[in-house]
Amino acid sequence: MSIDKERKNPFFEPYKTLHDTAPFDRIRLEDYEEAMLEGIRRDDEQIEKIINNPEKPTFDNTIINVDDEKDGEGYYDLLSRVSTVFFNLLSAETNDEMDALAQKMSPILTKHANDIRLNERLFERIKYVHRHHRKLTPEEKMLLDNCYDGFVRSGALLDAAGKERLRQLTEEASLAESVEGK
C-alpha cells in the first residue's frame, strides 16, 4: 500500500461538512491513533502553559484559556473530537482492527486523564479560581463549578497514596475493559 504524502488526517482540519459532522468517508483507521496521540500532546502542552503561568490564577487564564485557540478551531479540543468519533463508531460498528486499537489506546487515554485530573499544580490553580473569582455569569459559574467538582470527584483531594491507588485501579480497569470488549 502506498502512503499518500499529500493526504491530511481529517481530524487535523475543520470538517467543512454539513452541520460540521465527522467526514467518515475520509477517515482511515490509522487517523484515530495519530489524532489521539496528537491530542494528548496538545493537552499536555496546554496544561504546562497553565501551570507554569506566573500570573495569579484567574477564570480566563486557568479555566477557559481563550487566547490559546488557533483560528477559532478549538486547537486543544482535538482529543475530545477524535475520541468521541472513535468510541461512538466502535460501539456502533466495530471490527477487529478497531477493537485492537481500542485495546491499545484505552490505557493510554486513561493514564492521560489521570495525569490531568490528579495534577496537583493544575488543581491548585483551579481551586484558587474557585475560591477567588471575579463576578461570573451564570454560565461561567456553572463551568467553573463543574470543572472544580469534576477534579474533586476524580480524586484531586486524595493524599499521594490515595492518588496512586486510584491511578492503579483506573488503569487496571481500563485494561480489563479493553480486553473484555475484544
N, C-alpha and C. Protein backbone atom coordinates (compact mmCIF):
# COMPACT_ATOMS: atom_id res chain seq x y z
N MET A 1 0.84 -1.17 0.00
CA MET A 1 0.00 0.00 0.00
C MET A 1 0.89 1.24 0.00
N SER A 2 0.63 2.17 -0.89
CA SER A 2 1.43 3.39 -0.96
C SER A 2 0.87 4.42 0.01
N ILE A 3 1.75 5.21 0.57
CA ILE A 3 1.35 6.24 1.52
C ILE A 3 1.16 7.54 0.75
N ASP A 4 0.01 8.14 0.93
CA ASP A 4 -0.31 9.40 0.28
C ASP A 4 0.25 10.54 1.12
N LYS A 5 1.36 11.13 0.67
CA LYS A 5 2.03 12.18 1.43
C LYS A 5 1.23 13.48 1.41
N GLU A 6 0.36 13.66 0.46
CA GLU A 6 -0.45 14.87 0.36
C GLU A 6 -1.68 14.81 1.24
N ARG A 7 -2.09 13.64 1.62
CA ARG A 7 -3.31 13.46 2.40
C ARG A 7 -3.12 13.97 3.82
N LYS A 8 -4.13 14.70 4.31
CA LYS A 8 -4.10 15.19 5.69
C LYS A 8 -5.08 14.37 6.51
N ASN A 9 -4.71 14.15 7.75
CA ASN A 9 -5.60 13.49 8.68
C ASN A 9 -6.83 14.40 8.84
N PRO A 10 -8.03 13.90 8.57
CA PRO A 10 -9.22 14.76 8.62
C PRO A 10 -9.52 15.35 9.99
N PHE A 11 -8.97 14.78 11.05
CA PHE A 11 -9.19 15.34 12.38
C PHE A 11 -8.36 16.60 12.62
N PHE A 12 -7.34 16.84 11.78
CA PHE A 12 -6.45 17.98 11.98
C PHE A 12 -6.91 19.25 11.30
N GLU A 13 -8.05 19.23 10.67
CA GLU A 13 -8.55 20.41 9.98
C GLU A 13 -10.06 20.50 10.17
N PRO A 14 -10.61 21.68 9.93
CA PRO A 14 -12.08 21.79 10.05
C PRO A 14 -12.75 20.79 9.12
N TYR A 15 -13.86 20.22 9.59
CA TYR A 15 -14.52 19.19 8.80
C TYR A 15 -15.10 19.72 7.49
N LYS A 16 -15.64 20.91 7.51
CA LYS A 16 -16.27 21.50 6.31
C LYS A 16 -17.33 20.57 5.73
N THR A 17 -18.16 20.03 6.60
CA THR A 17 -19.26 19.17 6.20
C THR A 17 -20.55 19.79 6.70
N LEU A 18 -21.64 19.33 6.18
CA LEU A 18 -22.94 19.80 6.62
C LEU A 18 -23.06 19.59 8.13
N HIS A 19 -23.39 20.61 8.86
CA HIS A 19 -23.55 20.57 10.32
C HIS A 19 -22.25 20.20 11.04
N ASP A 20 -21.12 20.35 10.38
CA ASP A 20 -19.81 20.07 10.97
C ASP A 20 -19.72 18.65 11.52
N THR A 21 -20.30 17.71 10.79
CA THR A 21 -20.24 16.30 11.21
C THR A 21 -18.93 15.68 10.74
N ALA A 22 -18.54 14.62 11.40
CA ALA A 22 -17.29 13.94 11.05
C ALA A 22 -17.36 13.43 9.61
N PRO A 23 -16.29 13.63 8.85
CA PRO A 23 -16.25 13.17 7.46
C PRO A 23 -15.85 11.69 7.38
N PHE A 24 -16.77 10.82 7.72
CA PHE A 24 -16.47 9.40 7.81
C PHE A 24 -15.89 8.83 6.52
N ASP A 25 -16.26 9.39 5.39
CA ASP A 25 -15.75 8.89 4.11
C ASP A 25 -14.26 9.19 3.92
N ARG A 26 -13.71 10.12 4.72
CA ARG A 26 -12.29 10.47 4.60
C ARG A 26 -11.44 9.93 5.73
N ILE A 27 -12.06 9.35 6.76
CA ILE A 27 -11.33 8.87 7.93
C ILE A 27 -10.85 7.44 7.71
N ARG A 28 -9.58 7.23 7.98
CA ARG A 28 -8.97 5.89 7.92
C ARG A 28 -8.65 5.45 9.35
N LEU A 29 -8.53 4.16 9.53
CA LEU A 29 -8.25 3.62 10.86
C LEU A 29 -7.01 4.26 11.49
N GLU A 30 -5.96 4.44 10.72
CA GLU A 30 -4.72 4.99 11.27
C GLU A 30 -4.87 6.46 11.70
N ASP A 31 -5.89 7.13 11.21
CA ASP A 31 -6.12 8.53 11.60
C ASP A 31 -6.45 8.66 13.08
N TYR A 32 -7.15 7.68 13.62
CA TYR A 32 -7.57 7.76 15.02
C TYR A 32 -6.38 7.81 15.96
N GLU A 33 -5.49 6.85 15.84
CA GLU A 33 -4.34 6.80 16.76
C GLU A 33 -3.49 8.06 16.62
N GLU A 34 -3.21 8.44 15.39
CA GLU A 34 -2.39 9.64 15.16
C GLU A 34 -3.04 10.87 15.80
N ALA A 35 -4.35 11.03 15.63
CA ALA A 35 -5.04 12.19 16.18
C ALA A 35 -5.14 12.12 17.71
N MET A 36 -5.36 10.92 18.26
CA MET A 36 -5.41 10.80 19.72
C MET A 36 -4.06 11.16 20.33
N LEU A 37 -2.99 10.66 19.77
CA LEU A 37 -1.66 10.96 20.31
C LEU A 37 -1.33 12.44 20.18
N GLU A 38 -1.72 13.05 19.06
CA GLU A 38 -1.51 14.49 18.89
C GLU A 38 -2.39 15.26 19.88
N GLY A 39 -3.61 14.80 20.11
CA GLY A 39 -4.49 15.44 21.08
C GLY A 39 -3.91 15.39 22.48
N ILE A 40 -3.33 14.26 22.84
CA ILE A 40 -2.66 14.13 24.15
C ILE A 40 -1.50 15.11 24.23
N ARG A 41 -0.72 15.18 23.17
CA ARG A 41 0.42 16.11 23.14
C ARG A 41 -0.06 17.55 23.32
N ARG A 42 -1.12 17.92 22.62
CA ARG A 42 -1.65 19.28 22.74
C ARG A 42 -2.20 19.55 24.13
N ASP A 43 -2.89 18.58 24.70
CA ASP A 43 -3.39 18.73 26.07
C ASP A 43 -2.23 18.96 27.04
N ASP A 44 -1.20 18.13 26.91
CA ASP A 44 -0.03 18.26 27.79
C ASP A 44 0.62 19.63 27.64
N GLU A 45 0.72 20.10 26.42
CA GLU A 45 1.29 21.42 26.15
C GLU A 45 0.45 22.51 26.82
N GLN A 46 -0.85 22.40 26.71
CA GLN A 46 -1.74 23.38 27.31
C GLN A 46 -1.66 23.35 28.84
N ILE A 47 -1.64 22.17 29.41
CA ILE A 47 -1.54 22.05 30.87
C ILE A 47 -0.24 22.69 31.35
N GLU A 48 0.84 22.46 30.66
CA GLU A 48 2.13 23.07 31.03
C GLU A 48 2.04 24.59 30.99
N LYS A 49 1.39 25.13 29.99
CA LYS A 49 1.23 26.59 29.90
C LYS A 49 0.43 27.11 31.09
N ILE A 50 -0.62 26.40 31.45
CA ILE A 50 -1.47 26.84 32.55
C ILE A 50 -0.70 26.78 33.87
N ILE A 51 -0.08 25.65 34.16
CA ILE A 51 0.56 25.51 35.48
C ILE A 51 1.85 26.32 35.61
N ASN A 52 2.45 26.68 34.48
CA ASN A 52 3.67 27.49 34.53
C ASN A 52 3.41 28.98 34.32
N ASN A 53 2.14 29.36 34.22
CA ASN A 53 1.79 30.75 34.05
C ASN A 53 2.12 31.48 35.36
N PRO A 54 3.00 32.49 35.30
CA PRO A 54 3.40 33.18 36.53
C PRO A 54 2.32 34.12 37.07
N GLU A 55 1.29 34.40 36.28
CA GLU A 55 0.24 35.30 36.73
C GLU A 55 -0.66 34.59 37.74
N LYS A 56 -1.30 35.40 38.56
CA LYS A 56 -2.26 34.87 39.53
C LYS A 56 -3.35 34.13 38.74
N PRO A 57 -3.78 32.97 39.23
CA PRO A 57 -4.83 32.22 38.53
C PRO A 57 -6.13 33.03 38.43
N THR A 58 -6.70 33.04 37.24
CA THR A 58 -7.98 33.69 37.01
C THR A 58 -8.86 32.73 36.20
N PHE A 59 -10.12 33.08 36.14
CA PHE A 59 -11.04 32.29 35.32
C PHE A 59 -10.53 32.23 33.88
N ASP A 60 -10.10 33.38 33.37
CA ASP A 60 -9.68 33.46 31.97
C ASP A 60 -8.38 32.72 31.68
N ASN A 61 -7.39 32.79 32.57
CA ASN A 61 -6.11 32.15 32.25
C ASN A 61 -5.98 30.72 32.77
N THR A 62 -6.99 30.25 33.49
CA THR A 62 -6.92 28.90 34.04
C THR A 62 -8.06 28.02 33.53
N ILE A 63 -9.26 28.55 33.46
CA ILE A 63 -10.41 27.73 33.10
C ILE A 63 -10.68 27.72 31.60
N ILE A 64 -10.67 28.88 30.96
CA ILE A 64 -11.07 28.89 29.54
C ILE A 64 -9.93 29.09 28.56
N ASN A 65 -8.86 29.77 28.91
CA ASN A 65 -7.70 29.94 28.02
C ASN A 65 -8.08 30.36 26.61
N VAL A 66 -8.87 31.41 26.49
CA VAL A 66 -9.35 31.83 25.18
C VAL A 66 -8.24 32.22 24.22
N ASP A 67 -7.14 32.75 24.73
CA ASP A 67 -6.11 33.21 23.81
C ASP A 67 -5.27 32.07 23.24
N ASP A 68 -5.49 30.85 23.67
CA ASP A 68 -4.70 29.73 23.16
C ASP A 68 -5.40 28.97 22.04
N GLU A 69 -6.57 29.42 21.63
CA GLU A 69 -7.23 28.76 20.50
C GLU A 69 -6.62 29.30 19.21
N LYS A 70 -6.41 28.45 18.26
CA LYS A 70 -5.83 28.85 16.99
C LYS A 70 -6.92 28.88 15.93
N ASP A 71 -7.10 30.03 15.31
CA ASP A 71 -8.06 30.20 14.22
C ASP A 71 -9.47 29.81 14.62
N GLY A 72 -9.79 29.88 15.90
CA GLY A 72 -11.15 29.57 16.33
C GLY A 72 -11.55 28.13 16.11
N GLU A 73 -10.62 27.25 15.88
CA GLU A 73 -10.95 25.86 15.57
C GLU A 73 -10.80 24.91 16.74
N GLY A 74 -10.65 25.43 17.95
CA GLY A 74 -10.55 24.56 19.11
C GLY A 74 -9.31 23.68 19.07
N TYR A 75 -8.17 24.29 18.90
CA TYR A 75 -6.89 23.59 18.78
C TYR A 75 -6.71 22.54 19.86
N TYR A 76 -7.12 22.84 21.07
CA TYR A 76 -6.90 21.90 22.17
C TYR A 76 -8.08 20.98 22.40
N ASP A 77 -9.03 20.98 21.50
CA ASP A 77 -10.19 20.11 21.62
C ASP A 77 -10.03 18.85 20.76
N LEU A 78 -8.87 18.65 20.18
CA LEU A 78 -8.65 17.54 19.26
C LEU A 78 -8.91 16.18 19.91
N LEU A 79 -8.42 15.96 21.10
CA LEU A 79 -8.57 14.65 21.74
C LEU A 79 -10.05 14.32 21.96
N SER A 80 -10.79 15.26 22.42
CA SER A 80 -12.22 15.05 22.63
C SER A 80 -12.90 14.77 21.29
N ARG A 81 -12.53 15.52 20.29
CA ARG A 81 -13.13 15.39 18.95
C ARG A 81 -12.91 13.99 18.38
N VAL A 82 -11.68 13.52 18.39
CA VAL A 82 -11.37 12.21 17.81
C VAL A 82 -11.89 11.07 18.68
N SER A 83 -11.78 11.22 20.00
CA SER A 83 -12.26 10.17 20.89
C SER A 83 -13.76 9.96 20.77
N THR A 84 -14.48 11.06 20.66
CA THR A 84 -15.94 10.96 20.50
C THR A 84 -16.30 10.19 19.25
N VAL A 85 -15.67 10.53 18.15
CA VAL A 85 -15.95 9.83 16.89
C VAL A 85 -15.55 8.36 17.00
N PHE A 86 -14.34 8.10 17.49
CA PHE A 86 -13.84 6.73 17.55
C PHE A 86 -14.71 5.84 18.44
N PHE A 87 -14.97 6.28 19.66
CA PHE A 87 -15.68 5.41 20.59
C PHE A 87 -17.16 5.25 20.24
N ASN A 88 -17.75 6.27 19.64
CA ASN A 88 -19.13 6.09 19.16
C ASN A 88 -19.18 5.10 18.01
N LEU A 89 -18.24 5.22 17.08
CA LEU A 89 -18.19 4.29 15.96
C LEU A 89 -17.85 2.87 16.45
N LEU A 90 -16.93 2.78 17.39
CA LEU A 90 -16.56 1.49 17.95
C LEU A 90 -17.78 0.80 18.55
N SER A 91 -18.61 1.55 19.22
CA SER A 91 -19.79 0.98 19.85
C SER A 91 -20.88 0.64 18.83
N ALA A 92 -20.93 1.39 17.73
CA ALA A 92 -21.99 1.17 16.75
C ALA A 92 -21.62 0.18 15.66
N GLU A 93 -20.36 0.17 15.27
CA GLU A 93 -19.96 -0.61 14.10
C GLU A 93 -18.51 -1.05 14.24
N THR A 94 -18.25 -1.91 15.19
CA THR A 94 -16.87 -2.28 15.47
C THR A 94 -16.37 -3.37 14.52
N ASN A 95 -15.07 -3.56 14.54
CA ASN A 95 -14.43 -4.65 13.82
C ASN A 95 -13.15 -5.00 14.59
N ASP A 96 -12.47 -6.03 14.15
CA ASP A 96 -11.28 -6.49 14.88
C ASP A 96 -10.20 -5.42 14.97
N GLU A 97 -10.01 -4.66 13.89
CA GLU A 97 -8.97 -3.62 13.89
C GLU A 97 -9.31 -2.50 14.87
N MET A 98 -10.57 -2.11 14.91
CA MET A 98 -10.98 -1.06 15.85
C MET A 98 -10.89 -1.57 17.29
N ASP A 99 -11.27 -2.83 17.50
CA ASP A 99 -11.14 -3.41 18.84
C ASP A 99 -9.68 -3.41 19.29
N ALA A 100 -8.79 -3.77 18.40
CA ALA A 100 -7.36 -3.80 18.73
C ALA A 100 -6.86 -2.39 19.06
N LEU A 101 -7.31 -1.40 18.30
CA LEU A 101 -6.89 -0.03 18.56
C LEU A 101 -7.46 0.45 19.89
N ALA A 102 -8.69 0.10 20.19
CA ALA A 102 -9.28 0.48 21.48
C ALA A 102 -8.50 -0.15 22.62
N GLN A 103 -8.11 -1.41 22.45
CA GLN A 103 -7.34 -2.10 23.48
C GLN A 103 -5.98 -1.42 23.67
N LYS A 104 -5.39 -0.94 22.60
CA LYS A 104 -4.10 -0.27 22.68
C LYS A 104 -4.23 1.14 23.29
N MET A 105 -5.27 1.88 22.87
CA MET A 105 -5.37 3.28 23.25
C MET A 105 -6.05 3.52 24.60
N SER A 106 -6.93 2.63 25.02
CA SER A 106 -7.67 2.86 26.27
C SER A 106 -6.76 3.08 27.47
N PRO A 107 -5.74 2.26 27.69
CA PRO A 107 -4.84 2.52 28.82
C PRO A 107 -4.07 3.84 28.68
N ILE A 108 -3.72 4.20 27.47
CA ILE A 108 -3.01 5.46 27.23
C ILE A 108 -3.92 6.64 27.54
N LEU A 109 -5.18 6.55 27.11
CA LEU A 109 -6.14 7.62 27.37
C LEU A 109 -6.47 7.72 28.86
N THR A 110 -6.56 6.57 29.52
CA THR A 110 -6.84 6.58 30.96
C THR A 110 -5.68 7.21 31.72
N LYS A 111 -4.47 6.85 31.37
CA LYS A 111 -3.29 7.45 32.01
C LYS A 111 -3.28 8.96 31.80
N HIS A 112 -3.59 9.38 30.59
CA HIS A 112 -3.62 10.81 30.28
C HIS A 112 -4.68 11.53 31.13
N ALA A 113 -5.86 10.95 31.22
CA ALA A 113 -6.92 11.55 32.04
C ALA A 113 -6.49 11.64 33.50
N ASN A 114 -5.85 10.58 34.00
CA ASN A 114 -5.33 10.61 35.37
C ASN A 114 -4.27 11.69 35.54
N ASP A 115 -3.40 11.82 34.56
CA ASP A 115 -2.33 12.83 34.64
C ASP A 115 -2.91 14.24 34.73
N ILE A 116 -4.05 14.46 34.11
CA ILE A 116 -4.69 15.78 34.19
C ILE A 116 -5.42 15.93 35.52
N ARG A 117 -6.32 15.01 35.81
CA ARG A 117 -7.19 15.13 36.99
C ARG A 117 -6.45 15.01 38.31
N LEU A 118 -5.29 14.40 38.30
CA LEU A 118 -4.51 14.26 39.53
C LEU A 118 -3.30 15.20 39.57
N ASN A 119 -3.27 16.16 38.65
CA ASN A 119 -2.17 17.13 38.59
C ASN A 119 -2.37 18.16 39.71
N GLU A 120 -1.53 18.10 40.72
CA GLU A 120 -1.69 18.97 41.89
C GLU A 120 -1.54 20.44 41.55
N ARG A 121 -0.60 20.77 40.70
CA ARG A 121 -0.38 22.19 40.35
C ARG A 121 -1.57 22.75 39.59
N LEU A 122 -2.15 21.95 38.71
CA LEU A 122 -3.32 22.40 37.96
C LEU A 122 -4.51 22.57 38.91
N PHE A 123 -4.73 21.59 39.77
CA PHE A 123 -5.86 21.68 40.69
C PHE A 123 -5.71 22.87 41.65
N GLU A 124 -4.50 23.16 42.08
CA GLU A 124 -4.29 24.32 42.96
C GLU A 124 -4.74 25.61 42.27
N ARG A 125 -4.47 25.75 41.00
CA ARG A 125 -4.92 26.93 40.26
C ARG A 125 -6.45 26.95 40.16
N ILE A 126 -7.02 25.80 39.85
CA ILE A 126 -8.48 25.71 39.73
C ILE A 126 -9.14 26.01 41.07
N LYS A 127 -8.58 25.47 42.14
CA LYS A 127 -9.12 25.69 43.48
C LYS A 127 -9.03 27.18 43.84
N TYR A 128 -7.92 27.80 43.50
CA TYR A 128 -7.77 29.23 43.77
C TYR A 128 -8.85 30.03 43.03
N VAL A 129 -9.04 29.74 41.76
CA VAL A 129 -10.06 30.44 40.98
C VAL A 129 -11.45 30.18 41.57
N HIS A 130 -11.70 28.95 41.98
CA HIS A 130 -12.99 28.59 42.56
C HIS A 130 -13.28 29.43 43.81
N ARG A 131 -12.25 29.73 44.56
CA ARG A 131 -12.42 30.48 45.82
C ARG A 131 -12.33 32.00 45.64
N HIS A 132 -11.63 32.46 44.59
CA HIS A 132 -11.34 33.89 44.43
C HIS A 132 -11.65 34.39 43.02
N HIS A 133 -12.77 34.10 42.50
CA HIS A 133 -13.05 34.51 41.12
C HIS A 133 -13.73 35.87 41.04
N ARG A 134 -13.65 36.44 39.89
CA ARG A 134 -14.36 37.69 39.60
C ARG A 134 -15.85 37.40 39.51
N LYS A 135 -16.64 38.43 39.33
CA LYS A 135 -18.07 38.23 39.14
C LYS A 135 -18.25 37.45 37.83
N LEU A 136 -18.93 36.33 37.92
CA LEU A 136 -19.11 35.45 36.75
C LEU A 136 -20.55 35.45 36.30
N THR A 137 -20.74 35.20 35.01
CA THR A 137 -22.09 34.99 34.50
C THR A 137 -22.56 33.64 35.03
N PRO A 138 -23.86 33.37 35.00
CA PRO A 138 -24.33 32.05 35.45
C PRO A 138 -23.67 30.91 34.68
N GLU A 139 -23.44 31.10 33.39
CA GLU A 139 -22.80 30.05 32.59
C GLU A 139 -21.34 29.84 33.00
N GLU A 140 -20.64 30.94 33.24
CA GLU A 140 -19.25 30.83 33.70
C GLU A 140 -19.16 30.17 35.07
N LYS A 141 -20.08 30.55 35.95
CA LYS A 141 -20.11 29.95 37.30
C LYS A 141 -20.35 28.45 37.21
N MET A 142 -21.28 28.05 36.33
CA MET A 142 -21.55 26.62 36.16
C MET A 142 -20.33 25.89 35.61
N LEU A 143 -19.65 26.49 34.63
CA LEU A 143 -18.44 25.90 34.06
C LEU A 143 -17.37 25.74 35.13
N LEU A 144 -17.16 26.78 35.93
CA LEU A 144 -16.17 26.72 37.00
C LEU A 144 -16.54 25.65 38.03
N ASP A 145 -17.79 25.64 38.46
CA ASP A 145 -18.22 24.63 39.44
C ASP A 145 -18.08 23.22 38.89
N ASN A 146 -18.47 23.02 37.63
CA ASN A 146 -18.34 21.69 37.02
C ASN A 146 -16.88 21.27 36.91
N CYS A 147 -16.01 22.21 36.56
CA CYS A 147 -14.58 21.91 36.46
C CYS A 147 -14.03 21.52 37.83
N TYR A 148 -14.28 22.34 38.83
CA TYR A 148 -13.80 22.07 40.18
C TYR A 148 -14.36 20.74 40.70
N ASP A 149 -15.67 20.57 40.60
CA ASP A 149 -16.31 19.34 41.08
C ASP A 149 -15.79 18.11 40.34
N GLY A 150 -15.54 18.25 39.05
CA GLY A 150 -15.01 17.13 38.27
C GLY A 150 -13.64 16.69 38.78
N PHE A 151 -12.80 17.66 39.11
CA PHE A 151 -11.48 17.34 39.65
C PHE A 151 -11.62 16.66 41.02
N VAL A 152 -12.51 17.20 41.86
CA VAL A 152 -12.71 16.62 43.19
C VAL A 152 -13.22 15.18 43.06
N ARG A 153 -14.23 14.97 42.22
CA ARG A 153 -14.78 13.61 42.04
C ARG A 153 -13.76 12.66 41.43
N SER A 154 -12.79 13.20 40.73
CA SER A 154 -11.77 12.36 40.10
C SER A 154 -10.56 12.13 40.99
N GLY A 155 -10.62 12.59 42.23
CA GLY A 155 -9.56 12.26 43.17
C GLY A 155 -8.58 13.36 43.51
N ALA A 156 -8.81 14.59 43.07
CA ALA A 156 -7.84 15.66 43.29
C ALA A 156 -7.57 15.95 44.77
N LEU A 157 -8.51 15.65 45.65
CA LEU A 157 -8.31 15.93 47.07
C LEU A 157 -7.70 14.76 47.84
N LEU A 158 -7.46 13.65 47.16
CA LEU A 158 -6.84 12.50 47.82
C LEU A 158 -5.39 12.80 48.18
N ASP A 159 -4.88 12.11 49.19
CA ASP A 159 -3.45 12.24 49.50
C ASP A 159 -2.65 11.47 48.45
N ALA A 160 -1.35 11.56 48.52
CA ALA A 160 -0.49 10.95 47.49
C ALA A 160 -0.73 9.45 47.35
N ALA A 161 -0.86 8.75 48.47
CA ALA A 161 -1.10 7.30 48.42
C ALA A 161 -2.46 6.99 47.79
N GLY A 162 -3.47 7.78 48.13
CA GLY A 162 -4.80 7.59 47.55
C GLY A 162 -4.81 7.85 46.06
N LYS A 163 -4.08 8.88 45.64
CA LYS A 163 -3.99 9.18 44.20
C LYS A 163 -3.30 8.04 43.45
N GLU A 164 -2.25 7.52 44.04
CA GLU A 164 -1.53 6.42 43.39
C GLU A 164 -2.42 5.18 43.29
N ARG A 165 -3.16 4.90 44.34
CA ARG A 165 -4.08 3.74 44.33
C ARG A 165 -5.19 3.95 43.30
N LEU A 166 -5.75 5.16 43.24
CA LEU A 166 -6.78 5.47 42.25
C LEU A 166 -6.23 5.31 40.84
N ARG A 167 -5.04 5.82 40.62
CA ARG A 167 -4.39 5.70 39.31
C ARG A 167 -4.24 4.22 38.93
N GLN A 168 -3.78 3.42 39.86
CA GLN A 168 -3.59 1.99 39.62
C GLN A 168 -4.92 1.32 39.28
N LEU A 169 -5.95 1.61 40.05
CA LEU A 169 -7.26 0.99 39.83
C LEU A 169 -7.88 1.39 38.50
N THR A 170 -7.79 2.67 38.15
CA THR A 170 -8.40 3.10 36.88
C THR A 170 -7.64 2.54 35.69
N GLU A 171 -6.33 2.44 35.81
CA GLU A 171 -5.56 1.88 34.70
C GLU A 171 -5.80 0.37 34.56
N GLU A 172 -5.94 -0.32 35.68
CA GLU A 172 -6.28 -1.75 35.63
C GLU A 172 -7.68 -1.95 35.04
N ALA A 173 -8.62 -1.11 35.44
CA ALA A 173 -9.98 -1.20 34.91
C ALA A 173 -10.01 -0.93 33.41
N SER A 174 -9.20 0.01 32.98
CA SER A 174 -9.12 0.33 31.56
C SER A 174 -8.59 -0.86 30.77
N LEU A 175 -7.57 -1.51 31.29
CA LEU A 175 -7.03 -2.70 30.62
C LEU A 175 -8.06 -3.81 30.58
N ALA A 176 -8.74 -4.04 31.69
CA ALA A 176 -9.76 -5.10 31.75
C ALA A 176 -10.91 -4.80 30.79
N GLU A 177 -11.33 -3.55 30.74
CA GLU A 177 -12.41 -3.14 29.85
C GLU A 177 -12.05 -3.36 28.39
N SER A 178 -10.81 -3.00 28.03
CA SER A 178 -10.42 -3.12 26.64
C SER A 178 -10.26 -4.59 26.24
N VAL A 179 -9.90 -5.45 27.18
CA VAL A 179 -9.78 -6.87 26.90
C VAL A 179 -11.19 -7.49 26.80
N GLU A 180 -12.10 -7.09 27.69
CA GLU A 180 -13.47 -7.59 27.64
C GLU A 180 -14.15 -7.24 26.34
N GLY A 181 -13.88 -6.04 25.83
CA GLY A 181 -14.52 -5.58 24.61
C GLY A 181 -14.07 -6.36 23.39
N LYS A 182 -13.03 -7.10 23.50
CA LYS A 182 -12.48 -7.85 22.35
C LYS A 182 -13.22 -9.11 22.09
